[in-house]
Amino acid sequence: MPDPDFTEAVLAIVERIPAGRVMTYGDVGIAVGSEAPRAVGRVMALYGHSVSWWRVVSASGMPPQGHERLALPHYREEGTPLRRVESPDEYRIALSAARLPYSHEIYAEVVL
């Protein structure tokens, strides 16, 4: 079970990701002052349903594993840049365009 304070911090960051943008699990970890992307993934797996879970992706640009079909309509509705959409199960996020920059206010309290 993830630490409750860590869980709260992760979910608070995810709630602040703007529509059409994404953060990687590692980015969320950095934003909460941790270098534990797997711990972020665990929080998202257990509690991510309460926030915009589709806005947190792997560093490869793959959508949340096992939720590709559920995430694709969200990406299209929000205008999230995508690449290689071969099917609802096989696509990637265009991270170079969609990833939230480190200059965003979410990272304001983090020393990069």
C-alpha atoms as a PDB file:
ATOM      1  CA  MET A   1       0.000   0.000   0.000  1.00  0.00           C
ATOM      2  CA  PRO A   2       1.527   3.360  -1.015  1.00  0.00           C
ATOM      3  CA  ASP A   3       2.131   5.997   1.636  1.00  0.00           C
ATOM      4  CA  PRO A   4      -1.025   8.141   1.997  1.00  0.00           C
ATOM      5  CA  ASP A   5       0.907  11.431   1.724  1.00  0.00           C
ATOM      6  CA  PHE A   6       2.680  10.236  -1.436  1.00  0.00           C
ATOM      7  CA  THR A   7      -0.639   9.065  -2.878  1.00  0.00           C
ATOM      8  CA  GLU A   8      -2.275  12.409  -2.172  1.00  0.00           C
ATOM      9  CA  ALA A   9       0.658  14.304  -3.711  1.00  0.00           C
ATOM     10  CA  VAL A  10       0.615  12.188  -6.886  1.00  0.00           C
ATOM     11  CA  LEU A  11      -3.132  12.569  -7.376  1.00  0.00           C
ATOM     12  CA  ALA A  12      -2.910  16.330  -6.735  1.00  0.00           C
ATOM     13  CA  ILE A  13      -0.293  16.680  -9.493  1.00  0.00           C
ATOM     14  CA  VAL A  14      -2.294  14.563 -11.943  1.00  0.00           C
ATOM     15  CA  GLU A  15      -5.382  16.723 -11.318  1.00  0.00           C
ATOM     16  CA  ARG A  16      -3.363  19.757 -12.431  1.00  0.00           C
ATOM     17  CA  ILE A  17      -2.165  18.374 -15.780  1.00  0.00           C
ATOM     18  CA  PRO A  18      -3.875  20.517 -18.440  1.00  0.00           C
ATOM     19  CA  ALA A  19      -6.144  18.937 -21.041  1.00  0.00           C
ATOM     20  CA  GLY A  20      -4.236  17.887 -24.145  1.00  0.00           C
ATOM     21  CA  ARG A  21      -0.952  17.512 -22.238  1.00  0.00           C
ATOM     22  CA  VAL A  22       0.678  14.527 -20.552  1.00  0.00           C
ATOM     23  CA  MET A  23       3.329  13.761 -17.975  1.00  0.00           C
ATOM     24  CA  THR A  24       5.310  10.551 -17.696  1.00  0.00           C
ATOM     25  CA  TYR A  25       5.283   8.523 -14.513  1.00  0.00           C
ATOM     26  CA  GLY A  26       8.812   9.817 -13.915  1.00  0.00           C
ATOM     27  CA  ASP A  27       7.713  13.418 -14.481  1.00  0.00           C
ATOM     28  CA  VAL A  28       4.990  13.055 -11.860  1.00  0.00           C
ATOM     29  CA  GLY A  29       7.561  11.559  -9.508  1.00  0.00           C
ATOM     30  CA  ILE A  30       9.876  14.527 -10.062  1.00  0.00           C
ATOM     31  CA  ALA A  31       6.999  16.946  -9.456  1.00  0.00           C
ATOM     32  CA  VAL A  32       6.305  15.371  -6.061  1.00  0.00           C
ATOM     33  CA  GLY A  33       9.991  15.277  -5.149  1.00  0.00           C
ATOM     34  CA  SER A  34      10.531  11.568  -5.769  1.00  0.00           C
ATOM     35  CA  GLU A  35      12.448   9.596  -8.332  1.00  0.00           C
ATOM     36  CA  ALA A  36      10.140   6.600  -8.130  1.00  0.00           C
ATOM     37  CA  PRO A  37       8.135   6.237 -11.347  1.00  0.00           C
ATOM     38  CA  ARG A  38       7.038   2.728 -10.375  1.00  0.00           C
ATOM     39  CA  ALA A  39       5.571   4.064  -7.132  1.00  0.00           C
ATOM     40  CA  VAL A  40       3.667   6.654  -9.182  1.00  0.00           C
ATOM     41  CA  GLY A  41       2.436   3.818 -11.403  1.00  0.00           C
ATOM     42  CA  ARG A  42       1.263   1.909  -8.349  1.00  0.00           C
ATOM     43  CA  VAL A  43      -0.679   4.923  -7.091  1.00  0.00           C
ATOM     44  CA  MET A  44      -2.239   5.374 -10.522  1.00  0.00           C
ATOM     45  CA  ALA A  45      -3.175   1.694 -10.720  1.00  0.00           C
ATOM     46  CA  LEU A  46      -4.871   1.774  -7.331  1.00  0.00           C
ATOM     47  CA  TYR A  47      -6.350   5.288  -7.213  1.00  0.00           C
ATOM     48  CA  GLY A  48      -5.968   6.861 -10.659  1.00  0.00           C
ATOM     49  CA  HIS A  49      -9.612   6.352 -11.561  1.00  0.00           C
ATOM     50  CA  SER A  50     -10.446   9.445  -9.508  1.00  0.00           C
ATOM     51  CA  VAL A  51      -8.331  11.766 -11.708  1.00  0.00           C
ATOM     52  CA  SER A  52      -7.508  12.237 -15.398  1.00  0.00           C
ATOM     53  CA  TRP A  53      -5.474   9.006 -15.501  1.00  0.00           C
ATOM     54  CA  TRP A  54      -4.989   9.086 -19.284  1.00  0.00           C
ATOM     55  CA  ARG A  55      -2.706  12.117 -18.884  1.00  0.00           C
ATOM     56  CA  VAL A  56       0.012   9.986 -17.239  1.00  0.00           C
ATOM     57  CA  VAL A  57       1.948   7.860 -19.710  1.00  0.00           C
ATOM     58  CA  SER A  58       5.125   5.841 -19.952  1.00  0.00           C
ATOM     59  CA  ALA A  59       8.383   7.449 -21.066  1.00  0.00           C
ATOM     60  CA  SER A  60       7.992   5.647 -24.403  1.00  0.00           C
ATOM     61  CA  GLY A  61       4.780   7.556 -25.104  1.00  0.00           C
ATOM     62  CA  MET A  62       2.591   4.501 -24.701  1.00  0.00           C
ATOM     63  CA  PRO A  63      -0.794   5.120 -23.068  1.00  0.00           C
ATOM     64  CA  PRO A  64      -1.605   3.420 -19.765  1.00  0.00           C
ATOM     65  CA  GLN A  65      -1.169  -0.300 -20.290  1.00  0.00           C
ATOM     66  CA  GLY A  66      -4.420  -2.175 -20.710  1.00  0.00           C
ATOM     67  CA  HIS A  67      -6.398   1.052 -21.071  1.00  0.00           C
ATOM     68  CA  GLU A  68      -5.446   2.080 -24.616  1.00  0.00           C
ATOM     69  CA  ARG A  69      -8.995   1.860 -25.974  1.00  0.00           C
ATOM     70  CA  LEU A  70     -10.445   3.772 -23.017  1.00  0.00           C
ATOM     71  CA  ALA A  71      -7.800   6.500 -23.242  1.00  0.00           C
ATOM     72  CA  LEU A  72      -7.953   7.160 -27.003  1.00  0.00           C
ATOM     73  CA  PRO A  73     -11.306   9.027 -26.962  1.00  0.00           C
ATOM     74  CA  HIS A  74      -9.972  11.279 -24.179  1.00  0.00           C
ATOM     75  CA  TYR A  75      -6.853  12.083 -26.215  1.00  0.00           C
ATOM     76  CA  ARG A  76      -8.878  12.845 -29.315  1.00  0.00           C
ATOM     77  CA  GLU A  77     -11.383  15.005 -27.415  1.00  0.00           C
ATOM     78  CA  GLU A  78      -8.601  16.994 -25.728  1.00  0.00           C
ATOM     79  CA  GLY A  79      -6.490  17.315 -28.881  1.00  0.00           C
ATOM     80  CA  THR A  80      -3.527  15.481 -27.386  1.00  0.00           C
ATOM     81  CA  PRO A  81      -0.866  15.074 -30.093  1.00  0.00           C
ATOM     82  CA  LEU A  82      -0.705  11.433 -31.176  1.00  0.00           C
ATOM     83  CA  ARG A  83       1.487   9.497 -33.561  1.00  0.00           C
ATOM     84  CA  ARG A  84       1.237   6.146 -35.248  1.00  0.00           C
ATOM     85  CA  VAL A  85      -2.441   5.485 -34.595  1.00  0.00           C
ATOM     86  CA  GLU A  86      -2.681   2.127 -36.339  1.00  0.00           C
ATOM     87  CA  SER A  87      -5.621   0.933 -34.259  1.00  0.00           C
ATOM     88  CA  PRO A  88      -7.290   1.793 -30.940  1.00  0.00           C
ATOM     89  CA  ASP A  89      -4.831  -0.625 -29.316  1.00  0.00           C
ATOM     90  CA  GLU A  90      -1.662   0.503 -31.110  1.00  0.00           C
ATOM     91  CA  TYR A  91      -0.670   4.137 -30.906  1.00  0.00           C
ATOM     92  CA  ARG A  92       1.661   6.448 -29.043  1.00  0.00           C
ATOM     93  CA  ILE A  93       1.528   9.942 -27.639  1.00  0.00           C
ATOM     94  CA  ALA A  94       3.703  12.450 -29.501  1.00  0.00           C
ATOM     95  CA  LEU A  95       5.718  13.269 -26.381  1.00  0.00           C
ATOM     96  CA  SER A  96       7.754  16.004 -28.052  1.00  0.00           C
ATOM     97  CA  ALA A  97       4.539  18.003 -28.465  1.00  0.00           C
ATOM     98  CA  ALA A  98       2.296  16.680 -25.666  1.00  0.00           C
ATOM     99  CA  ARG A  99       4.644  16.394 -22.703  1.00  0.00           C
ATOM    100  CA  LEU A 100       4.270  19.131 -20.119  1.00  0.00           C
ATOM    101  CA  PRO A 101       7.476  21.213 -20.146  1.00  0.00           C
ATOM    102  CA  TYR A 102       9.597  21.470 -17.021  1.00  0.00           C
ATOM    103  CA  SER A 103       8.967  25.224 -17.104  1.00  0.00           C
ATOM    104  CA  HIS A 104       5.271  24.623 -16.227  1.00  0.00           C
ATOM    105  CA  GLU A 105       4.125  25.805 -12.794  1.00  0.00           C
ATOM    106  CA  ILE A 106       3.582  22.206 -11.651  1.00  0.00           C
ATOM    107  CA  TYR A 107       7.361  21.979 -11.298  1.00  0.00           C
ATOM    108  CA  ALA A 108       7.712  25.360  -9.549  1.00  0.00           C
ATOM    109  CA  GLU A 109       8.643  23.901  -6.154  1.00  0.00           C
ATOM    110  CA  VAL A 110      11.100  21.363  -7.557  1.00  0.00           C
ATOM    111  CA  VAL A 111      14.775  22.093  -8.041  1.00  0.00           C
ATOM    112  CA  LEU A 112      15.628  20.701 -11.471  1.00  0.00           C
END
